[in-house]
Amino acid sequence: MNKLINVNRILSSGLLVLSSSLLVACGGGGGGGGQTEVVETVETEPSPEQTTPVETVPEPSPEPTPIATSLEEVQVAESFIFSNQQDIELQVSYPMLGDERAYLNICTQWKDMEQQSIEYSSCVWRGQISQSQMALDITLPAHASTLVAEVWQLSSGNVTRVHQELSLAELGVTSPSFSF
């Protein structure tokens, strides 16, 4: 607002000086005498050009994505798969020795890793090993980060347990396999 008042003052002063200069330059009338009148002119600084203030309109910020409050409002890309599991083919190698019986548990969690104890409620496959090379189709839950394999070897009344672990990073790179 102050700038606008200052511009008006400068323009008013400039117009006054300009109109006075024109009256003096015209001479004011008649004169036929041989006398020359010396007119002293005062140079004034050119008045600044009148500029119209440019109003800048800020760009509207993008509206935030609304939060869905009901199931009908949820929007999902067509490529998104609503699956909370993954299917893998797991290779298991176990050297069969004569009449030995062996059982395999494949689980996703340790109960106590230090004591080599598996959480059996997290097992995704349990069964007898019937051949030295097996291919198992397994469905893993989405939260699984590891696979733990446990082989129970039953020979002459003794039970021996052997454990191996695979991380999910290994599962994504190559065909996962356990080899005992």
N, C-alpha and C. Protein backbone atom coordinates (compact mmCIF):
# COMPACT_ATOMS: atom_id res chain seq x y z
N MET A 1 0.83 -1.19 0.00
CA MET A 1 0.00 0.00 0.00
C MET A 1 0.87 1.24 0.00
N ASN A 2 1.96 1.21 0.80
CA ASN A 2 2.87 2.36 0.86
C ASN A 2 3.53 2.60 -0.48
N LYS A 3 3.83 1.55 -1.21
CA LYS A 3 4.45 1.70 -2.52
C LYS A 3 3.50 2.41 -3.48
N LEU A 4 2.24 2.10 -3.39
CA LEU A 4 1.25 2.72 -4.25
C LEU A 4 1.13 4.22 -3.97
N ILE A 5 1.16 4.61 -2.71
CA ILE A 5 1.10 6.03 -2.33
C ILE A 5 2.34 6.75 -2.83
N ASN A 6 3.52 6.13 -2.70
CA ASN A 6 4.77 6.74 -3.17
C ASN A 6 4.75 6.91 -4.68
N VAL A 7 4.23 5.96 -5.42
CA VAL A 7 4.15 6.06 -6.87
C VAL A 7 3.23 7.21 -7.25
N ASN A 8 2.10 7.36 -6.56
CA ASN A 8 1.17 8.46 -6.84
C ASN A 8 1.85 9.81 -6.59
N ARG A 9 2.60 9.96 -5.54
CA ARG A 9 3.31 11.21 -5.24
C ARG A 9 4.32 11.54 -6.32
N ILE A 10 5.07 10.54 -6.73
CA ILE A 10 6.09 10.76 -7.76
C ILE A 10 5.43 11.17 -9.06
N LEU A 11 4.34 10.52 -9.43
CA LEU A 11 3.63 10.87 -10.66
C LEU A 11 3.06 12.27 -10.58
N SER A 12 2.48 12.64 -9.46
CA SER A 12 1.91 14.00 -9.30
C SER A 12 3.00 15.03 -9.42
N SER A 13 4.13 14.83 -8.78
CA SER A 13 5.25 15.77 -8.84
C SER A 13 5.79 15.86 -10.25
N GLY A 14 5.91 14.75 -10.93
CA GLY A 14 6.42 14.72 -12.29
C GLY A 14 5.49 15.47 -13.24
N LEU A 15 4.19 15.29 -13.10
CA LEU A 15 3.24 15.98 -13.96
C LEU A 15 3.28 17.48 -13.72
N LEU A 16 3.44 17.91 -12.48
CA LEU A 16 3.52 19.32 -12.16
C LEU A 16 4.74 19.96 -12.80
N VAL A 17 5.89 19.28 -12.69
CA VAL A 17 7.12 19.79 -13.28
C VAL A 17 7.00 19.82 -14.80
N LEU A 18 6.42 18.82 -15.40
CA LEU A 18 6.27 18.75 -16.84
C LEU A 18 5.35 19.86 -17.36
N SER A 19 4.22 20.07 -16.71
CA SER A 19 3.30 21.12 -17.16
C SER A 19 3.92 22.50 -16.99
N SER A 20 4.69 22.74 -15.93
CA SER A 20 5.37 24.02 -15.72
C SER A 20 6.41 24.23 -16.81
N SER A 21 7.12 23.21 -17.16
CA SER A 21 8.14 23.32 -18.19
C SER A 21 7.52 23.67 -19.53
N LEU A 22 6.37 23.10 -19.84
CA LEU A 22 5.70 23.40 -21.10
C LEU A 22 5.23 24.85 -21.17
N LEU A 23 4.71 25.38 -20.08
CA LEU A 23 4.26 26.76 -20.06
C LEU A 23 5.42 27.72 -20.25
N VAL A 24 6.51 27.45 -19.60
CA VAL A 24 7.68 28.30 -19.71
C VAL A 24 8.26 28.21 -21.10
N ALA A 25 8.30 27.04 -21.70
CA ALA A 25 8.88 26.84 -23.02
C ALA A 25 8.06 27.56 -24.08
N CYS A 26 6.76 27.65 -23.90
CA CYS A 26 5.93 28.32 -24.90
C CYS A 26 6.13 29.82 -24.87
N GLY A 27 6.57 30.36 -23.84
CA GLY A 27 6.84 31.79 -23.76
C GLY A 27 5.68 32.60 -23.27
N GLY A 28 4.61 32.15 -23.20
CA GLY A 28 3.49 32.87 -22.63
C GLY A 28 2.88 33.93 -23.53
N GLY A 29 3.20 34.04 -24.68
CA GLY A 29 2.45 34.96 -25.51
C GLY A 29 3.32 35.91 -26.33
N GLY A 30 2.80 36.89 -26.77
CA GLY A 30 3.09 37.94 -27.69
C GLY A 30 4.53 38.28 -27.93
N GLY A 31 4.91 39.06 -28.08
CA GLY A 31 6.21 39.54 -28.02
C GLY A 31 6.84 39.91 -29.32
N GLY A 32 6.99 40.77 -29.64
CA GLY A 32 7.67 41.03 -30.87
C GLY A 32 8.91 41.81 -30.62
N GLY A 33 9.30 42.04 -29.51
CA GLY A 33 10.49 42.85 -29.32
C GLY A 33 11.71 42.10 -29.75
N GLY A 34 12.73 42.75 -29.87
CA GLY A 34 13.96 42.11 -30.28
C GLY A 34 14.70 41.53 -29.13
N GLN A 35 14.11 41.58 -28.09
CA GLN A 35 14.77 41.03 -26.93
C GLN A 35 14.58 39.53 -26.86
N THR A 36 15.62 38.90 -26.48
CA THR A 36 15.54 37.46 -26.32
C THR A 36 15.47 37.18 -24.85
N GLU A 37 14.56 36.39 -24.54
CA GLU A 37 14.40 36.04 -23.14
C GLU A 37 15.13 34.74 -22.87
N VAL A 38 15.95 34.77 -21.86
CA VAL A 38 16.68 33.57 -21.48
C VAL A 38 15.82 32.84 -20.45
N VAL A 39 15.54 31.68 -20.77
CA VAL A 39 14.72 30.87 -19.85
C VAL A 39 15.62 29.80 -19.26
N GLU A 40 15.62 29.78 -18.00
CA GLU A 40 16.42 28.77 -17.30
C GLU A 40 15.54 27.55 -17.11
N THR A 41 16.03 26.43 -17.60
CA THR A 41 15.26 25.19 -17.45
C THR A 41 15.93 24.33 -16.42
N VAL A 42 15.12 23.71 -15.72
CA VAL A 42 15.61 22.79 -14.69
C VAL A 42 15.37 21.38 -15.21
N GLU A 43 16.48 20.67 -15.29
CA GLU A 43 16.33 19.29 -15.73
C GLU A 43 15.83 18.45 -14.57
N THR A 44 14.84 17.72 -14.85
CA THR A 44 14.30 16.83 -13.82
C THR A 44 14.61 15.40 -14.22
N GLU A 45 14.70 14.62 -13.23
CA GLU A 45 14.91 13.20 -13.49
C GLU A 45 13.65 12.65 -14.14
N PRO A 46 13.83 11.81 -15.10
CA PRO A 46 12.63 11.25 -15.71
C PRO A 46 11.83 10.50 -14.66
N SER A 47 10.57 10.73 -14.72
CA SER A 47 9.73 10.04 -13.75
C SER A 47 9.68 8.57 -14.11
N PRO A 48 9.63 7.73 -13.10
CA PRO A 48 9.58 6.29 -13.39
C PRO A 48 8.29 5.97 -14.14
N GLU A 49 8.44 5.03 -15.04
CA GLU A 49 7.27 4.62 -15.80
C GLU A 49 6.27 4.00 -14.84
N GLN A 50 5.05 4.30 -15.17
CA GLN A 50 4.00 3.75 -14.33
C GLN A 50 3.91 2.25 -14.58
N THR A 51 4.07 1.53 -13.53
CA THR A 51 3.96 0.07 -13.66
C THR A 51 2.79 -0.42 -12.85
N THR A 52 2.11 -1.32 -13.43
CA THR A 52 1.00 -1.92 -12.73
C THR A 52 1.54 -3.10 -11.95
N PRO A 53 1.29 -3.11 -10.65
CA PRO A 53 1.80 -4.23 -9.87
C PRO A 53 1.22 -5.55 -10.40
N VAL A 54 2.10 -6.50 -10.55
CA VAL A 54 1.69 -7.81 -11.04
C VAL A 54 1.36 -8.67 -9.84
N GLU A 55 0.17 -9.13 -9.85
CA GLU A 55 -0.23 -10.00 -8.76
C GLU A 55 0.16 -11.43 -9.12
N THR A 56 0.90 -12.04 -8.24
CA THR A 56 1.28 -13.43 -8.47
C THR A 56 0.30 -14.33 -7.75
N VAL A 57 -0.22 -15.22 -8.49
CA VAL A 57 -1.18 -16.16 -7.93
C VAL A 57 -0.42 -17.45 -7.67
N PRO A 58 -0.34 -17.86 -6.42
CA PRO A 58 0.40 -19.09 -6.13
C PRO A 58 -0.29 -20.29 -6.77
N GLU A 59 0.55 -21.19 -7.24
CA GLU A 59 0.00 -22.41 -7.84
C GLU A 59 -0.68 -23.22 -6.75
N PRO A 60 -1.82 -23.73 -7.05
CA PRO A 60 -2.49 -24.54 -6.02
C PRO A 60 -1.71 -25.82 -5.78
N SER A 61 -1.57 -26.15 -4.53
CA SER A 61 -0.86 -27.39 -4.20
C SER A 61 -1.77 -28.57 -4.52
N PRO A 62 -1.13 -29.68 -4.92
CA PRO A 62 -1.97 -30.84 -5.26
C PRO A 62 -2.75 -31.29 -4.04
N GLU A 63 -3.95 -31.67 -4.31
CA GLU A 63 -4.79 -32.10 -3.19
C GLU A 63 -4.28 -33.44 -2.66
N PRO A 64 -4.24 -33.58 -1.36
CA PRO A 64 -3.77 -34.85 -0.80
C PRO A 64 -4.72 -35.98 -1.17
N THR A 65 -4.14 -37.17 -1.24
CA THR A 65 -4.94 -38.34 -1.55
C THR A 65 -5.89 -38.58 -0.38
N PRO A 66 -7.16 -38.65 -0.68
CA PRO A 66 -8.10 -38.85 0.43
C PRO A 66 -7.92 -40.22 1.07
N ILE A 67 -8.17 -40.28 2.33
CA ILE A 67 -8.07 -41.54 3.07
C ILE A 67 -9.40 -42.28 2.92
N ALA A 68 -9.28 -43.52 2.52
CA ALA A 68 -10.49 -44.33 2.33
C ALA A 68 -11.13 -44.61 3.69
N THR A 69 -12.43 -44.40 3.75
CA THR A 69 -13.15 -44.67 4.99
C THR A 69 -14.08 -45.86 4.87
N SER A 70 -14.20 -46.38 3.64
CA SER A 70 -15.01 -47.57 3.45
C SER A 70 -14.36 -48.42 2.37
N LEU A 71 -14.75 -49.65 2.29
CA LEU A 71 -14.17 -50.59 1.33
C LEU A 71 -14.42 -50.14 -0.11
N GLU A 72 -15.53 -49.49 -0.37
CA GLU A 72 -15.86 -49.04 -1.72
C GLU A 72 -14.89 -47.97 -2.21
N GLU A 73 -14.24 -47.24 -1.30
CA GLU A 73 -13.35 -46.14 -1.66
C GLU A 73 -11.90 -46.58 -1.90
N VAL A 74 -11.59 -47.82 -1.61
CA VAL A 74 -10.22 -48.32 -1.76
C VAL A 74 -9.90 -48.47 -3.24
N GLN A 75 -8.75 -47.90 -3.65
CA GLN A 75 -8.31 -48.01 -5.03
C GLN A 75 -6.98 -48.73 -5.07
N VAL A 76 -6.88 -49.74 -5.94
CA VAL A 76 -5.67 -50.56 -6.03
C VAL A 76 -5.32 -50.73 -7.50
N ALA A 77 -4.03 -50.70 -7.79
CA ALA A 77 -3.57 -50.90 -9.17
C ALA A 77 -3.98 -52.29 -9.64
N GLU A 78 -4.26 -52.40 -10.94
CA GLU A 78 -4.70 -53.68 -11.49
C GLU A 78 -3.62 -54.75 -11.37
N SER A 79 -2.35 -54.35 -11.34
CA SER A 79 -1.27 -55.32 -11.27
C SER A 79 -1.05 -55.88 -9.87
N PHE A 80 -1.69 -55.29 -8.87
CA PHE A 80 -1.51 -55.75 -7.49
C PHE A 80 -2.21 -57.09 -7.30
N ILE A 81 -1.51 -58.03 -6.70
CA ILE A 81 -2.07 -59.36 -6.44
C ILE A 81 -2.41 -59.44 -4.96
N PHE A 82 -3.63 -59.77 -4.67
CA PHE A 82 -4.08 -59.83 -3.29
C PHE A 82 -3.74 -61.18 -2.66
N SER A 83 -2.53 -61.64 -2.85
CA SER A 83 -2.14 -62.94 -2.31
C SER A 83 -1.25 -62.75 -1.10
N ASN A 84 -1.48 -63.53 -0.10
CA ASN A 84 -0.63 -63.46 1.09
C ASN A 84 0.21 -64.73 1.22
N GLN A 85 0.49 -65.34 0.08
CA GLN A 85 1.31 -66.55 0.08
C GLN A 85 2.08 -66.64 -1.23
N GLN A 86 3.09 -67.49 -1.22
CA GLN A 86 3.86 -67.73 -2.44
C GLN A 86 4.12 -69.22 -2.59
N ASP A 87 4.08 -69.68 -3.81
CA ASP A 87 4.32 -71.09 -4.10
C ASP A 87 5.76 -71.25 -4.59
N ILE A 88 6.47 -72.23 -4.05
CA ILE A 88 7.84 -72.52 -4.49
C ILE A 88 8.00 -74.02 -4.71
N GLU A 89 8.99 -74.36 -5.51
CA GLU A 89 9.35 -75.76 -5.67
C GLU A 89 10.68 -75.94 -4.96
N LEU A 90 10.70 -76.78 -3.96
CA LEU A 90 11.88 -76.99 -3.12
C LEU A 90 12.50 -78.35 -3.46
N GLN A 91 13.81 -78.34 -3.67
CA GLN A 91 14.55 -79.58 -3.94
C GLN A 91 15.18 -80.07 -2.63
N VAL A 92 15.02 -81.35 -2.34
CA VAL A 92 15.60 -81.95 -1.14
C VAL A 92 16.46 -83.13 -1.56
N SER A 93 17.72 -83.12 -1.11
CA SER A 93 18.64 -84.24 -1.37
C SER A 93 18.99 -84.87 -0.04
N TYR A 94 18.77 -86.19 0.04
CA TYR A 94 19.10 -86.91 1.27
C TYR A 94 19.64 -88.29 0.89
N PRO A 95 20.85 -88.62 1.33
CA PRO A 95 21.42 -89.94 0.97
C PRO A 95 20.72 -91.05 1.75
N MET A 96 20.01 -91.89 1.06
CA MET A 96 19.30 -93.01 1.70
C MET A 96 20.30 -94.13 2.00
N LEU A 97 20.26 -94.62 3.22
CA LEU A 97 21.17 -95.70 3.63
C LEU A 97 20.35 -96.93 4.00
N GLY A 98 20.36 -97.89 3.12
CA GLY A 98 19.72 -99.18 3.39
C GLY A 98 18.28 -99.07 3.84
N ASP A 99 18.00 -99.70 5.01
CA ASP A 99 16.64 -99.74 5.56
C ASP A 99 16.34 -98.57 6.48
N GLU A 100 17.21 -97.60 6.49
CA GLU A 100 17.02 -96.45 7.38
C GLU A 100 15.74 -95.70 7.03
N ARG A 101 15.06 -95.26 8.05
CA ARG A 101 13.88 -94.43 7.83
C ARG A 101 14.22 -93.00 8.24
N ALA A 102 13.72 -92.04 7.45
CA ALA A 102 13.98 -90.64 7.76
C ALA A 102 12.69 -89.84 7.52
N TYR A 103 12.49 -88.89 8.39
CA TYR A 103 11.33 -88.01 8.28
C TYR A 103 11.80 -86.57 8.16
N LEU A 104 11.05 -85.79 7.39
CA LEU A 104 11.44 -84.41 7.09
C LEU A 104 10.35 -83.46 7.56
N ASN A 105 10.77 -82.42 8.27
CA ASN A 105 9.89 -81.31 8.65
C ASN A 105 10.45 -80.04 8.00
N ILE A 106 9.63 -79.32 7.29
CA ILE A 106 10.04 -78.03 6.74
C ILE A 106 9.12 -76.98 7.36
N CYS A 107 9.73 -76.08 8.12
CA CYS A 107 8.98 -75.08 8.89
C CYS A 107 9.52 -73.68 8.58
N THR A 108 8.83 -72.66 9.09
CA THR A 108 9.24 -71.28 8.82
C THR A 108 9.80 -70.57 10.04
N GLN A 109 9.78 -71.22 11.23
CA GLN A 109 10.25 -70.54 12.44
C GLN A 109 10.97 -71.49 13.37
N TRP A 110 11.95 -70.92 14.06
CA TRP A 110 12.61 -71.62 15.15
C TRP A 110 11.83 -71.35 16.42
N LYS A 111 11.75 -72.36 17.28
CA LYS A 111 11.21 -72.13 18.62
C LYS A 111 12.33 -71.58 19.49
N ASP A 112 13.50 -72.22 19.39
CA ASP A 112 14.70 -71.76 20.10
C ASP A 112 15.89 -72.12 19.20
N MET A 113 16.46 -71.14 18.59
CA MET A 113 17.52 -71.37 17.62
C MET A 113 18.78 -71.95 18.27
N GLU A 114 19.10 -71.49 19.47
CA GLU A 114 20.31 -71.98 20.14
C GLU A 114 20.22 -73.45 20.48
N GLN A 115 19.04 -73.90 20.82
CA GLN A 115 18.86 -75.30 21.17
C GLN A 115 18.40 -76.13 19.97
N GLN A 116 18.40 -75.50 18.78
CA GLN A 116 17.99 -76.19 17.56
C GLN A 116 16.61 -76.81 17.72
N SER A 117 15.68 -76.01 18.24
CA SER A 117 14.32 -76.46 18.43
C SER A 117 13.40 -75.69 17.47
N ILE A 118 12.63 -76.45 16.68
CA ILE A 118 11.75 -75.86 15.67
C ILE A 118 10.36 -75.64 16.23
N GLU A 119 9.72 -74.58 15.77
CA GLU A 119 8.31 -74.32 16.09
C GLU A 119 7.47 -75.16 15.14
N TYR A 120 6.99 -76.31 15.62
CA TYR A 120 6.30 -77.26 14.75
C TYR A 120 4.96 -76.75 14.23
N SER A 121 4.38 -75.78 14.90
CA SER A 121 3.12 -75.23 14.39
C SER A 121 3.34 -74.38 13.13
N SER A 122 4.61 -74.05 12.82
CA SER A 122 4.90 -73.27 11.61
C SER A 122 5.32 -74.15 10.43
N CYS A 123 5.19 -75.46 10.57
CA CYS A 123 5.61 -76.37 9.50
C CYS A 123 4.69 -76.26 8.29
N VAL A 124 5.31 -76.23 7.11
CA VAL A 124 4.55 -76.16 5.86
C VAL A 124 4.59 -77.50 5.11
N TRP A 125 5.46 -78.41 5.54
CA TRP A 125 5.49 -79.75 4.97
C TRP A 125 6.09 -80.70 6.00
N ARG A 126 5.45 -81.87 6.16
CA ARG A 126 5.96 -82.91 7.06
C ARG A 126 5.69 -84.25 6.39
N GLY A 127 6.71 -85.10 6.39
CA GLY A 127 6.50 -86.41 5.79
C GLY A 127 7.77 -87.24 5.78
N GLN A 128 7.63 -88.48 5.28
CA GLN A 128 8.74 -89.40 5.22
C GLN A 128 9.53 -89.15 3.94
N ILE A 129 10.87 -89.27 4.06
CA ILE A 129 11.73 -89.16 2.89
C ILE A 129 11.73 -90.55 2.24
N SER A 130 11.28 -90.60 0.99
CA SER A 130 11.13 -91.89 0.33
C SER A 130 12.18 -92.12 -0.76
N GLN A 131 12.92 -91.11 -1.14
CA GLN A 131 13.94 -91.25 -2.17
C GLN A 131 15.06 -90.23 -1.92
N SER A 132 16.20 -90.44 -2.57
CA SER A 132 17.36 -89.57 -2.31
C SER A 132 17.20 -88.17 -2.90
N GLN A 133 16.41 -88.00 -3.92
CA GLN A 133 16.12 -86.68 -4.53
C GLN A 133 14.60 -86.48 -4.55
N MET A 134 14.14 -85.39 -3.96
CA MET A 134 12.71 -85.11 -3.94
C MET A 134 12.46 -83.66 -4.35
N ALA A 135 11.40 -83.44 -5.09
CA ALA A 135 10.94 -82.09 -5.42
C ALA A 135 9.60 -81.90 -4.73
N LEU A 136 9.52 -80.88 -3.88
CA LEU A 136 8.31 -80.61 -3.11
C LEU A 136 7.72 -79.27 -3.52
N ASP A 137 6.43 -79.25 -3.80
CA ASP A 137 5.73 -77.99 -4.05
C ASP A 137 5.18 -77.50 -2.71
N ILE A 138 5.64 -76.30 -2.31
CA ILE A 138 5.29 -75.77 -0.99
C ILE A 138 4.66 -74.40 -1.15
N THR A 139 3.64 -74.13 -0.36
CA THR A 139 3.03 -72.81 -0.30
C THR A 139 3.46 -72.17 1.02
N LEU A 140 4.14 -71.03 0.89
CA LEU A 140 4.65 -70.32 2.07
C LEU A 140 3.74 -69.13 2.41
N PRO A 141 3.58 -68.85 3.70
CA PRO A 141 2.84 -67.65 4.08
C PRO A 141 3.69 -66.41 3.77
N ALA A 142 3.03 -65.27 3.57
CA ALA A 142 3.72 -64.04 3.18
C ALA A 142 4.72 -63.57 4.24
N HIS A 143 4.48 -63.86 5.49
CA HIS A 143 5.37 -63.37 6.56
C HIS A 143 6.63 -64.22 6.73
N ALA A 144 6.74 -65.32 6.03
CA ALA A 144 7.89 -66.21 6.19
C ALA A 144 9.17 -65.54 5.71
N SER A 145 10.20 -65.54 6.56
CA SER A 145 11.49 -64.97 6.16
C SER A 145 12.57 -66.04 6.06
N THR A 146 12.30 -67.22 6.61
CA THR A 146 13.27 -68.32 6.53
C THR A 146 12.52 -69.65 6.38
N LEU A 147 13.28 -70.63 5.93
CA LEU A 147 12.80 -72.02 5.93
C LEU A 147 13.79 -72.82 6.75
N VAL A 148 13.27 -73.64 7.62
CA VAL A 148 14.11 -74.50 8.45
C VAL A 148 13.73 -75.94 8.14
N ALA A 149 14.73 -76.74 7.78
CA ALA A 149 14.49 -78.15 7.50
C ALA A 149 15.09 -78.99 8.62
N GLU A 150 14.34 -79.99 9.02
CA GLU A 150 14.81 -80.88 10.08
C GLU A 150 14.57 -82.32 9.61
N VAL A 151 15.62 -83.11 9.66
CA VAL A 151 15.51 -84.52 9.30
C VAL A 151 15.67 -85.35 10.57
N TRP A 152 14.72 -86.24 10.79
CA TRP A 152 14.82 -87.19 11.89
C TRP A 152 15.26 -88.52 11.28
N GLN A 153 16.40 -88.99 11.69
CA GLN A 153 16.92 -90.28 11.22
C GLN A 153 16.62 -91.32 12.29
N LEU A 154 15.90 -92.35 11.89
CA LEU A 154 15.54 -93.42 12.82
C LEU A 154 16.31 -94.68 12.42
N SER A 155 17.25 -95.02 13.24
CA SER A 155 18.00 -96.25 12.97
C SER A 155 18.24 -96.98 14.28
N SER A 156 17.85 -98.23 14.31
CA SER A 156 18.00 -99.12 15.47
C SER A 156 17.59 -98.44 16.78
N GLY A 157 16.44 -97.78 16.75
CA GLY A 157 15.88 -97.20 17.98
C GLY A 157 16.43 -95.82 18.34
N ASN A 158 17.46 -95.35 17.67
CA ASN A 158 18.02 -94.02 17.97
C ASN A 158 17.42 -92.98 17.03
N VAL A 159 17.23 -91.78 17.56
CA VAL A 159 16.73 -90.67 16.74
C VAL A 159 17.82 -89.62 16.67
N THR A 160 18.21 -89.26 15.46
CA THR A 160 19.19 -88.20 15.25
C THR A 160 18.51 -87.10 14.44
N ARG A 161 18.72 -85.86 14.88
CA ARG A 161 18.13 -84.72 14.15
C ARG A 161 19.22 -83.91 13.47
N VAL A 162 18.94 -83.52 12.25
CA VAL A 162 19.85 -82.68 11.47
C VAL A 162 19.04 -81.47 11.00
N HIS A 163 19.62 -80.25 11.15
CA HIS A 163 18.91 -79.03 10.78
C HIS A 163 19.66 -78.24 9.71
N GLN A 164 18.90 -77.59 8.86
CA GLN A 164 19.44 -76.62 7.90
C GLN A 164 18.45 -75.46 7.80
N GLU A 165 18.99 -74.30 7.42
CA GLU A 165 18.14 -73.11 7.30
C GLU A 165 18.42 -72.40 5.98
N LEU A 166 17.37 -71.87 5.35
CA LEU A 166 17.48 -71.05 4.14
C LEU A 166 16.78 -69.72 4.41
N SER A 167 17.37 -68.62 3.95
CA SER A 167 16.70 -67.33 4.08
C SER A 167 15.87 -67.07 2.83
N LEU A 168 14.89 -66.20 2.94
CA LEU A 168 14.04 -65.90 1.79
C LEU A 168 14.84 -65.26 0.66
N ALA A 169 15.90 -64.54 0.98
CA ALA A 169 16.74 -63.95 -0.07
C ALA A 169 17.30 -65.06 -0.96
N GLU A 170 17.70 -66.16 -0.36
CA GLU A 170 18.20 -67.30 -1.13
C GLU A 170 17.08 -67.95 -1.95
N LEU A 171 15.87 -67.92 -1.41
CA LEU A 171 14.75 -68.52 -2.12
C LEU A 171 14.44 -67.78 -3.41
N GLY A 172 14.64 -66.44 -3.41
CA GLY A 172 14.32 -65.65 -4.59
C GLY A 172 15.37 -65.74 -5.68
N VAL A 173 16.63 -66.05 -5.33
CA VAL A 173 17.71 -66.02 -6.30
C VAL A 173 17.72 -67.27 -7.18
N THR A 174 17.70 -68.42 -6.58
CA THR A 174 17.77 -69.67 -7.33
C THR A 174 16.68 -70.61 -6.84
N SER A 175 16.64 -71.75 -7.45
CA SER A 175 15.72 -72.78 -6.98
C SER A 175 16.20 -73.24 -5.60
N PRO A 176 15.42 -73.03 -4.57
CA PRO A 176 15.86 -73.37 -3.22
C PRO A 176 16.03 -74.88 -3.06
N SER A 177 17.04 -75.23 -2.29
CA SER A 177 17.25 -76.66 -2.06
C SER A 177 17.91 -76.89 -0.71
N PHE A 178 17.58 -78.03 -0.15
CA PHE A 178 18.22 -78.53 1.06
C PHE A 178 18.99 -79.78 0.65
N SER A 179 20.23 -79.84 1.09
CA SER A 179 21.04 -81.00 0.78
C SER A 179 21.67 -81.49 2.10
N PHE A 180 21.34 -82.73 2.48
CA PHE A 180 21.84 -83.29 3.75
C PHE A 180 22.95 -84.28 3.49
